[in-house]
Amino acid sequence: MMWNDGMGWTGWLVMALTAVAFWALVVVAVVALFRDSRPESRQAKAGSDEARRILDQRFARGEIDANEYQARQIMLRSAH
C-alpha cells in the first residue's frame, strides 16, 4: 500500500495547510458578519435615545406643541 500516491510529504503538507487556511477563513468571515451587526444596533439605539431626550427637552421648553411632539415620537418609534 502506498501512502503518498506520488505526492510526497510536501504535497500532503500543502494540502493540510490549505484546508486549515480555508476553515480559518470561514471562521473569520462568520465572526466578521456577527461583529459588524452589533455596533450598528448599539449605535442606532444610542442615537434613538438621544433623539428622544432632545425631543422631550424641546417639548418641556415649549419649542414644540403637543401635536408635533406626538408626531415626532411616532416617527422615532417607526425608525427604531
PDB file of N, CA and C in Angstrom:
ATOM      1  N   MET A   1       0.849  -1.175   0.000  1.00  0.00           N
ATOM      2  CA  MET A   1       0.000   0.000   0.000  1.00  0.00           C
ATOM      3  C   MET A   1       0.893   1.236   0.000  1.00  0.00           C
ATOM      4  N   MET A   2       0.603   2.155  -0.895  1.00  0.00           N
ATOM      5  CA  MET A   2       1.403   3.358  -0.994  1.00  0.00           C
ATOM      6  C   MET A   2       0.635   4.503  -0.315  1.00  0.00           C
ATOM      7  N   TRP A   3       1.292   5.218   0.619  1.00  0.00           N
ATOM      8  CA  TRP A   3       0.629   6.258   1.398  1.00  0.00           C
ATOM      9  C   TRP A   3       0.610   7.607   0.708  1.00  0.00           C
ATOM     10  N   ASN A   4       1.587   7.904  -0.068  1.00  0.00           N
ATOM     11  CA  ASN A   4       1.665   9.268  -0.590  1.00  0.00           C
ATOM     12  C   ASN A   4       1.176   9.401  -2.020  1.00  0.00           C
ATOM     13  N   ASP A   5       0.856   8.338  -2.675  1.00  0.00           N
ATOM     14  CA  ASP A   5       0.346   8.366  -4.044  1.00  0.00           C
ATOM     15  C   ASP A   5       1.198   9.223  -4.967  1.00  0.00           C
ATOM     16  N   GLY A   6       2.476   9.295  -4.728  1.00  0.00           N
ATOM     17  CA  GLY A   6       3.379  10.039  -5.592  1.00  0.00           C
ATOM     18  C   GLY A   6       3.475  11.523  -5.273  1.00  0.00           C
ATOM     19  N   MET A   7       2.726  12.040  -4.276  1.00  0.00           N
ATOM     20  CA  MET A   7       2.774  13.467  -3.952  1.00  0.00           C
ATOM     21  C   MET A   7       3.971  13.819  -3.083  1.00  0.00           C
ATOM     22  N   GLY A   8       4.392  12.911  -2.268  1.00  0.00           N
ATOM     23  CA  GLY A   8       5.468  13.217  -1.345  1.00  0.00           C
ATOM     24  C   GLY A   8       4.940  13.985  -0.141  1.00  0.00           C
ATOM     25  N   TRP A   9       5.808  14.189   0.837  1.00  0.00           N
ATOM     26  CA  TRP A   9       5.360  14.847   2.071  1.00  0.00           C
ATOM     27  C   TRP A   9       5.037  16.320   1.861  1.00  0.00           C
ATOM     28  N   THR A  10       5.657  16.976   0.888  1.00  0.00           N
ATOM     29  CA  THR A  10       5.346  18.391   0.661  1.00  0.00           C
ATOM     30  C   THR A  10       3.935  18.573   0.106  1.00  0.00           C
ATOM     31  N   GLY A  11       3.491  17.652  -0.719  1.00  0.00           N
ATOM     32  CA  GLY A  11       2.129  17.728  -1.239  1.00  0.00           C
ATOM     33  C   GLY A  11       1.102  17.591  -0.133  1.00  0.00           C
ATOM     34  N   TRP A  12       1.341  16.664   0.771  1.00  0.00           N
ATOM     35  CA  TRP A  12       0.423  16.485   1.894  1.00  0.00           C
ATOM     36  C   TRP A  12       0.452  17.700   2.818  1.00  0.00           C
ATOM     37  N   LEU A  13       1.621  18.263   3.015  1.00  0.00           N
ATOM     38  CA  LEU A  13       1.750  19.441   3.867  1.00  0.00           C
ATOM     39  C   LEU A  13       0.994  20.632   3.264  1.00  0.00           C
ATOM     40  N   VAL A  14       1.159  20.838   1.966  1.00  0.00           N
ATOM     41  CA  VAL A  14       0.454  21.935   1.290  1.00  0.00           C
ATOM     42  C   VAL A  14      -1.055  21.714   1.360  1.00  0.00           C
ATOM     43  N   MET A  15      -1.497  20.499   1.163  1.00  0.00           N
ATOM     44  CA  MET A  15      -2.921  20.197   1.213  1.00  0.00           C
ATOM     45  C   MET A  15      -3.479  20.433   2.627  1.00  0.00           C
ATOM     46  N   ALA A  16      -2.756  20.041   3.649  1.00  0.00           N
ATOM     47  CA  ALA A  16      -3.203  20.232   5.030  1.00  0.00           C
ATOM     48  C   ALA A  16      -3.245  21.721   5.371  1.00  0.00           C
ATOM     49  N   LEU A  17      -2.234  22.458   4.973  1.00  0.00           N
ATOM     50  CA  LEU A  17      -2.211  23.900   5.245  1.00  0.00           C
ATOM     51  C   LEU A  17      -3.334  24.628   4.503  1.00  0.00           C
ATOM     52  N   THR A  18      -3.636  24.190   3.307  1.00  0.00           N
ATOM     53  CA  THR A  18      -4.732  24.783   2.545  1.00  0.00           C
ATOM     54  C   THR A  18      -6.064  24.538   3.242  1.00  0.00           C
ATOM     55  N   ALA A  19      -6.266  23.342   3.756  1.00  0.00           N
ATOM     56  CA  ALA A  19      -7.509  23.024   4.465  1.00  0.00           C
ATOM     57  C   ALA A  19      -7.632  23.862   5.740  1.00  0.00           C
ATOM     58  N   VAL A  20      -6.554  24.013   6.472  1.00  0.00           N
ATOM     59  CA  VAL A  20      -6.567  24.825   7.692  1.00  0.00           C
ATOM     60  C   VAL A  20      -6.854  26.285   7.350  1.00  0.00           C
ATOM     61  N   ALA A  21      -6.221  26.796   6.304  1.00  0.00           N
ATOM     62  CA  ALA A  21      -6.441  28.179   5.891  1.00  0.00           C
ATOM     63  C   ALA A  21      -7.888  28.396   5.453  1.00  0.00           C
ATOM     64  N   PHE A  22      -8.462  27.454   4.752  1.00  0.00           N
ATOM     65  CA  PHE A  22      -9.853  27.560   4.315  1.00  0.00           C
ATOM     66  C   PHE A  22     -10.790  27.659   5.509  1.00  0.00           C
ATOM     67  N   TRP A  23     -10.641  26.769   6.485  1.00  0.00           N
ATOM     68  CA  TRP A  23     -11.531  26.787   7.640  1.00  0.00           C
ATOM     69  C   TRP A  23     -11.298  28.015   8.504  1.00  0.00           C
ATOM     70  N   ALA A  24     -10.067  28.488   8.575  1.00  0.00           N
ATOM     71  CA  ALA A  24      -9.802  29.731   9.308  1.00  0.00           C
ATOM     72  C   ALA A  24     -10.508  30.899   8.629  1.00  0.00           C
ATOM     73  N   LEU A  25     -10.498  30.928   7.319  1.00  0.00           N
ATOM     74  CA  LEU A  25     -11.182  31.975   6.571  1.00  0.00           C
ATOM     75  C   LEU A  25     -12.698  31.917   6.789  1.00  0.00           C
ATOM     76  N   VAL A  26     -13.254  30.729   6.839  1.00  0.00           N
ATOM     77  CA  VAL A  26     -14.689  30.576   7.104  1.00  0.00           C
ATOM     78  C   VAL A  26     -15.033  31.117   8.492  1.00  0.00           C
ATOM     79  N   VAL A  27     -14.234  30.779   9.487  1.00  0.00           N
ATOM     80  CA  VAL A  27     -14.474  31.250  10.856  1.00  0.00           C
ATOM     81  C   VAL A  27     -14.363  32.767  10.923  1.00  0.00           C
ATOM     82  N   VAL A  28     -13.346  33.341  10.304  1.00  0.00           N
ATOM     83  CA  VAL A  28     -13.163  34.795  10.302  1.00  0.00           C
ATOM     84  C   VAL A  28     -14.345  35.488   9.623  1.00  0.00           C
ATOM     85  N   ALA A  29     -14.840  34.940   8.541  1.00  0.00           N
ATOM     86  CA  ALA A  29     -15.977  35.534   7.830  1.00  0.00           C
ATOM     87  C   ALA A  29     -17.232  35.512   8.691  1.00  0.00           C
ATOM     88  N   VAL A  30     -17.495  34.409   9.372  1.00  0.00           N
ATOM     89  CA  VAL A  30     -18.674  34.314  10.230  1.00  0.00           C
ATOM     90  C   VAL A  30     -18.573  35.296  11.393  1.00  0.00           C
ATOM     91  N   VAL A  31     -17.413  35.372  12.016  1.00  0.00           N
ATOM     92  CA  VAL A  31     -17.214  36.310  13.125  1.00  0.00           C
ATOM     93  C   VAL A  31     -17.376  37.749  12.641  1.00  0.00           C
ATOM     94  N   ALA A  32     -16.851  38.070  11.485  1.00  0.00           N
ATOM     95  CA  ALA A  32     -16.961  39.422  10.943  1.00  0.00           C
ATOM     96  C   ALA A  32     -18.412  39.793  10.662  1.00  0.00           C
ATOM     97  N   LEU A  33     -19.202  38.862  10.182  1.00  0.00           N
ATOM     98  CA  LEU A  33     -20.612  39.140   9.921  1.00  0.00           C
ATOM     99  C   LEU A  33     -21.363  39.495  11.195  1.00  0.00           C
ATOM    100  N   PHE A  34     -21.120  38.731  12.259  1.00  0.00           N
ATOM    101  CA  PHE A  34     -21.821  38.994  13.506  1.00  0.00           C
ATOM    102  C   PHE A  34     -21.264  40.214  14.222  1.00  0.00           C
ATOM    103  N   ARG A  35     -19.996  40.441  14.138  1.00  0.00           N
ATOM    104  CA  ARG A  35     -19.382  41.577  14.812  1.00  0.00           C
ATOM    105  C   ARG A  35     -19.800  42.888  14.157  1.00  0.00           C
ATOM    106  N   ASP A  36     -19.981  42.906  12.848  1.00  0.00           N
ATOM    107  CA  ASP A  36     -20.380  44.124  12.150  1.00  0.00           C
ATOM    108  C   ASP A  36     -21.802  44.539  12.482  1.00  0.00           C
ATOM    109  N   SER A  37     -22.683  43.601  12.742  1.00  0.00           N
ATOM    110  CA  SER A  37     -24.075  43.952  13.001  1.00  0.00           C
ATOM    111  C   SER A  37     -24.291  44.497  14.406  1.00  0.00           C
ATOM    112  N   ARG A  38     -23.493  44.128  15.339  1.00  0.00           N
ATOM    113  CA  ARG A  38     -23.708  44.561  16.721  1.00  0.00           C
ATOM    114  C   ARG A  38     -23.469  46.054  16.944  1.00  0.00           C
ATOM    115  N   PRO A  39     -22.346  46.612  16.546  1.00  0.00           N
ATOM    116  CA  PRO A  39     -22.127  48.037  16.841  1.00  0.00           C
ATOM    117  C   PRO A  39     -23.182  48.935  16.206  1.00  0.00           C
ATOM    118  N   GLU A  40     -23.676  48.571  15.044  1.00  0.00           N
ATOM    119  CA  GLU A  40     -24.697  49.387  14.397  1.00  0.00           C
ATOM    120  C   GLU A  40     -25.973  49.422  15.222  1.00  0.00           C
ATOM    121  N   SER A  41     -26.366  48.282  15.767  1.00  0.00           N
ATOM    122  CA  SER A  41     -27.593  48.256  16.557  1.00  0.00           C
ATOM    123  C   SER A  41     -27.415  49.030  17.855  1.00  0.00           C
ATOM    124  N   ARG A  42     -26.240  48.946  18.470  1.00  0.00           N
ATOM    125  CA  ARG A  42     -25.977  49.736  19.673  1.00  0.00           C
ATOM    126  C   ARG A  42     -25.967  51.221  19.353  1.00  0.00           C
ATOM    127  N   GLN A  43     -25.329  51.570  18.256  1.00  0.00           N
ATOM    128  CA  GLN A  43     -25.242  52.970  17.866  1.00  0.00           C
ATOM    129  C   GLN A  43     -26.624  53.512  17.513  1.00  0.00           C
ATOM    130  N   ALA A  44     -27.438  52.726  16.840  1.00  0.00           N
ATOM    131  CA  ALA A  44     -28.788  53.161  16.491  1.00  0.00           C
ATOM    132  C   ALA A  44     -29.623  53.384  17.748  1.00  0.00           C
ATOM    133  N   LYS A  45     -29.481  52.491  18.731  1.00  0.00           N
ATOM    134  CA  LYS A  45     -30.229  52.635  19.974  1.00  0.00           C
ATOM    135  C   LYS A  45     -29.775  53.874  20.715  1.00  0.00           C
ATOM    136  N   ALA A  46     -28.479  54.114  20.770  1.00  0.00           N
ATOM    137  CA  ALA A  46     -27.963  55.301  21.449  1.00  0.00           C
ATOM    138  C   ALA A  46     -28.440  56.564  20.749  1.00  0.00           C
ATOM    139  N   GLY A  47     -28.447  56.557  19.432  1.00  0.00           N
ATOM    140  CA  GLY A  47     -28.928  57.710  18.674  1.00  0.00           C
ATOM    141  C   GLY A  47     -30.412  57.937  18.891  1.00  0.00           C
ATOM    142  N   SER A  48     -31.169  56.867  18.971  1.00  0.00           N
ATOM    143  CA  SER A  48     -32.610  56.964  19.201  1.00  0.00           C
ATOM    144  C   SER A  48     -32.886  57.514  20.597  1.00  0.00           C
ATOM    145  N   ASP A  49     -32.146  57.054  21.598  1.00  0.00           N
ATOM    146  CA  ASP A  49     -32.311  57.560  22.961  1.00  0.00           C
ATOM    147  C   ASP A  49     -31.978  59.045  23.029  1.00  0.00           C
ATOM    148  N   GLU A  50     -30.926  59.438  22.346  1.00  0.00           N
ATOM    149  CA  GLU A  50     -30.526  60.847  22.321  1.00  0.00           C
ATOM    150  C   GLU A  50     -31.592  61.693  21.627  1.00  0.00           C
ATOM    151  N   ALA A  51     -32.148  61.206  20.542  1.00  0.00           N
ATOM    152  CA  ALA A  51     -33.186  61.947  19.825  1.00  0.00           C
ATOM    153  C   ALA A  51     -34.431  62.109  20.700  1.00  0.00           C
ATOM    154  N   ARG A  52     -34.802  61.086  21.435  1.00  0.00           N
ATOM    155  CA  ARG A  52     -35.963  61.189  22.323  1.00  0.00           C
ATOM    156  C   ARG A  52     -35.705  62.163  23.459  1.00  0.00           C
ATOM    157  N   ARG A  53     -34.494  62.162  23.967  1.00  0.00           N
ATOM    158  CA  ARG A  53     -34.149  63.099  25.041  1.00  0.00           C
ATOM    159  C   ARG A  53     -34.244  64.545  24.546  1.00  0.00           C
ATOM    160  N   ILE A  54     -33.732  64.797  23.362  1.00  0.00           N
ATOM    161  CA  ILE A  54     -33.804  66.138  22.773  1.00  0.00           C
ATOM    162  C   ILE A  54     -35.261  66.527  22.523  1.00  0.00           C
ATOM    163  N   LEU A  55     -36.056  65.588  22.022  1.00  0.00           N
ATOM    164  CA  LEU A  55     -37.471  65.860  21.776  1.00  0.00           C
ATOM    165  C   LEU A  55     -38.181  66.209  23.077  1.00  0.00           C
ATOM    166  N   ASP A  56     -37.905  65.450  24.137  1.00  0.00           N
ATOM    167  CA  ASP A  56     -38.505  65.746  25.443  1.00  0.00           C
ATOM    168  C   ASP A  56     -38.111  67.135  25.932  1.00  0.00           C
ATOM    169  N   GLN A  57     -36.842  67.494  25.759  1.00  0.00           N
ATOM    170  CA  GLN A  57     -36.375  68.818  26.187  1.00  0.00           C
ATOM    171  C   GLN A  57     -37.061  69.931  25.400  1.00  0.00           C
ATOM    172  N   ARG A  58     -37.187  69.754  24.093  1.00  0.00           N
ATOM    173  CA  ARG A  58     -37.837  70.782  23.270  1.00  0.00           C
ATOM    174  C   ARG A  58     -39.299  70.955  23.664  1.00  0.00           C
ATOM    175  N   PHE A  59     -39.975  69.856  23.971  1.00  0.00           N
ATOM    176  CA  PHE A  59     -41.357  69.935  24.404  1.00  0.00           C
ATOM    177  C   PHE A  59     -41.458  70.625  25.762  1.00  0.00           C
ATOM    178  N   ALA A  60     -40.550  70.289  26.666  1.00  0.00           N
ATOM    179  CA  ALA A  60     -40.552  70.895  28.003  1.00  0.00           C
ATOM    180  C   ALA A  60     -40.279  72.399  27.934  1.00  0.00           C
ATOM    181  N   ARG A  61     -39.448  72.830  27.011  1.00  0.00           N
ATOM    182  CA  ARG A  61     -39.147  74.265  26.865  1.00  0.00           C
ATOM    183  C   ARG A  61     -40.249  75.009  26.115  1.00  0.00           C
ATOM    184  N   GLY A  62     -41.188  74.291  25.535  1.00  0.00           N
ATOM    185  CA  GLY A  62     -42.271  74.923  24.805  1.00  0.00           C
ATOM    186  C   GLY A  62     -41.939  75.250  23.361  1.00  0.00           C
ATOM    187  N   GLU A  63     -40.871  74.693  22.838  1.00  0.00           N
ATOM    188  CA  GLU A  63     -40.482  74.945  21.447  1.00  0.00           C
ATOM    189  C   GLU A  63     -41.416  74.252  20.459  1.00  0.00           C
ATOM    190  N   ILE A  64     -42.016  73.135  20.879  1.00  0.00           N
ATOM    191  CA  ILE A  64     -42.954  72.413  20.018  1.00  0.00           C
ATOM    192  C   ILE A  64     -44.228  72.142  20.816  1.00  0.00           C
ATOM    193  N   ASP A  65     -45.347  72.033  20.116  1.00  0.00           N
ATOM    194  CA  ASP A  65     -46.614  71.771  20.799  1.00  0.00           C
ATOM    195  C   ASP A  65     -46.840  70.267  20.944  1.00  0.00           C
ATOM    196  N   ALA A  66     -47.944  69.908  21.594  1.00  0.00           N
ATOM    197  CA  ALA A  66     -48.225  68.502  21.895  1.00  0.00           C
ATOM    198  C   ALA A  66     -48.426  67.678  20.625  1.00  0.00           C
ATOM    199  N   ASN A  67     -49.085  68.255  19.627  1.00  0.00           N
ATOM    200  CA  ASN A  67     -49.307  67.515  18.380  1.00  0.00           C
ATOM    201  C   ASN A  67     -47.994  67.192  17.680  1.00  0.00           C
ATOM    202  N   GLU A  68     -47.101  68.175  17.594  1.00  0.00           N
ATOM    203  CA  GLU A  68     -45.807  67.934  16.945  1.00  0.00           C
ATOM    204  C   GLU A  68     -44.977  66.951  17.760  1.00  0.00           C
ATOM    205  N   TYR A  69     -45.044  67.074  19.083  1.00  0.00           N
ATOM    206  CA  TYR A  69     -44.316  66.160  19.965  1.00  0.00           C
ATOM    207  C   TYR A  69     -44.755  64.717  19.720  1.00  0.00           C
ATOM    208  N   GLN A  70     -46.064  64.485  19.686  1.00  0.00           N
ATOM    209  CA  GLN A  70     -46.587  63.133  19.472  1.00  0.00           C
ATOM    210  C   GLN A  70     -46.237  62.619  18.077  1.00  0.00           C
ATOM    211  N   ALA A  71     -46.322  63.479  17.079  1.00  0.00           N
ATOM    212  CA  ALA A  71     -45.995  63.067  15.715  1.00  0.00           C
ATOM    213  C   ALA A  71     -44.536  62.652  15.602  1.00  0.00           C
ATOM    214  N   ARG A  72     -43.660  63.407  16.248  1.00  0.00           N
ATOM    215  CA  ARG A  72     -42.228  63.072  16.183  1.00  0.00           C
ATOM    216  C   ARG A  72     -41.906  61.825  16.996  1.00  0.00           C
ATOM    217  N   GLN A  73     -42.625  61.604  18.085  1.00  0.00           N
ATOM    218  CA  GLN A  73     -42.423  60.366  18.842  1.00  0.00           C
ATOM    219  C   GLN A  73     -42.790  59.158  17.981  1.00  0.00           C
ATOM    220  N   ILE A  74     -43.884  59.269  17.262  1.00  0.00           N
ATOM    221  CA  ILE A  74     -44.302  58.173  16.379  1.00  0.00           C
ATOM    222  C   ILE A  74     -43.242  57.945  15.298  1.00  0.00           C
ATOM    223  N   MET A  75     -42.699  59.018  14.761  1.00  0.00           N
ATOM    224  CA  MET A  75     -41.642  58.896  13.746  1.00  0.00           C
ATOM    225  C   MET A  75     -40.416  58.204  14.320  1.00  0.00           C
ATOM    226  N   LEU A  76     -40.023  58.577  15.533  1.00  0.00           N
ATOM    227  CA  LEU A  76     -38.853  57.952  16.152  1.00  0.00           C
ATOM    228  C   LEU A  76     -39.092  56.469  16.422  1.00  0.00           C
ATOM    229  N   ARG A  77     -40.273  56.109  16.849  1.00  0.00           N
ATOM    230  CA  ARG A  77     -40.587  54.695  17.091  1.00  0.00           C
ATOM    231  C   ARG A  77     -40.550  53.876  15.815  1.00  0.00           C
ATOM    232  N   SER A  78     -41.067  54.467  14.735  1.00  0.00           N
ATOM    233  CA  SER A  78     -41.083  53.732  13.465  1.00  0.00           C
ATOM    234  C   SER A  78     -39.681  53.606  12.870  1.00  0.00           C
ATOM    235  N   ALA A  79     -38.810  54.547  13.164  1.00  0.00           N
ATOM    236  CA  ALA A  79     -37.436  54.480  12.665  1.00  0.00           C
ATOM    237  C   ALA A  79     -36.608  53.502  13.459  1.00  0.00           C
ATOM    238  N   HIS A  80     -37.020  53.181  14.651  1.00  0.00           N
ATOM    239  CA  HIS A  80     -36.268  52.280  15.511  1.00  0.00           C
ATOM    240  C   HIS A  80     -36.493  50.890  15.013  1.00  0.00           C
TER     241      HIS A  80
END
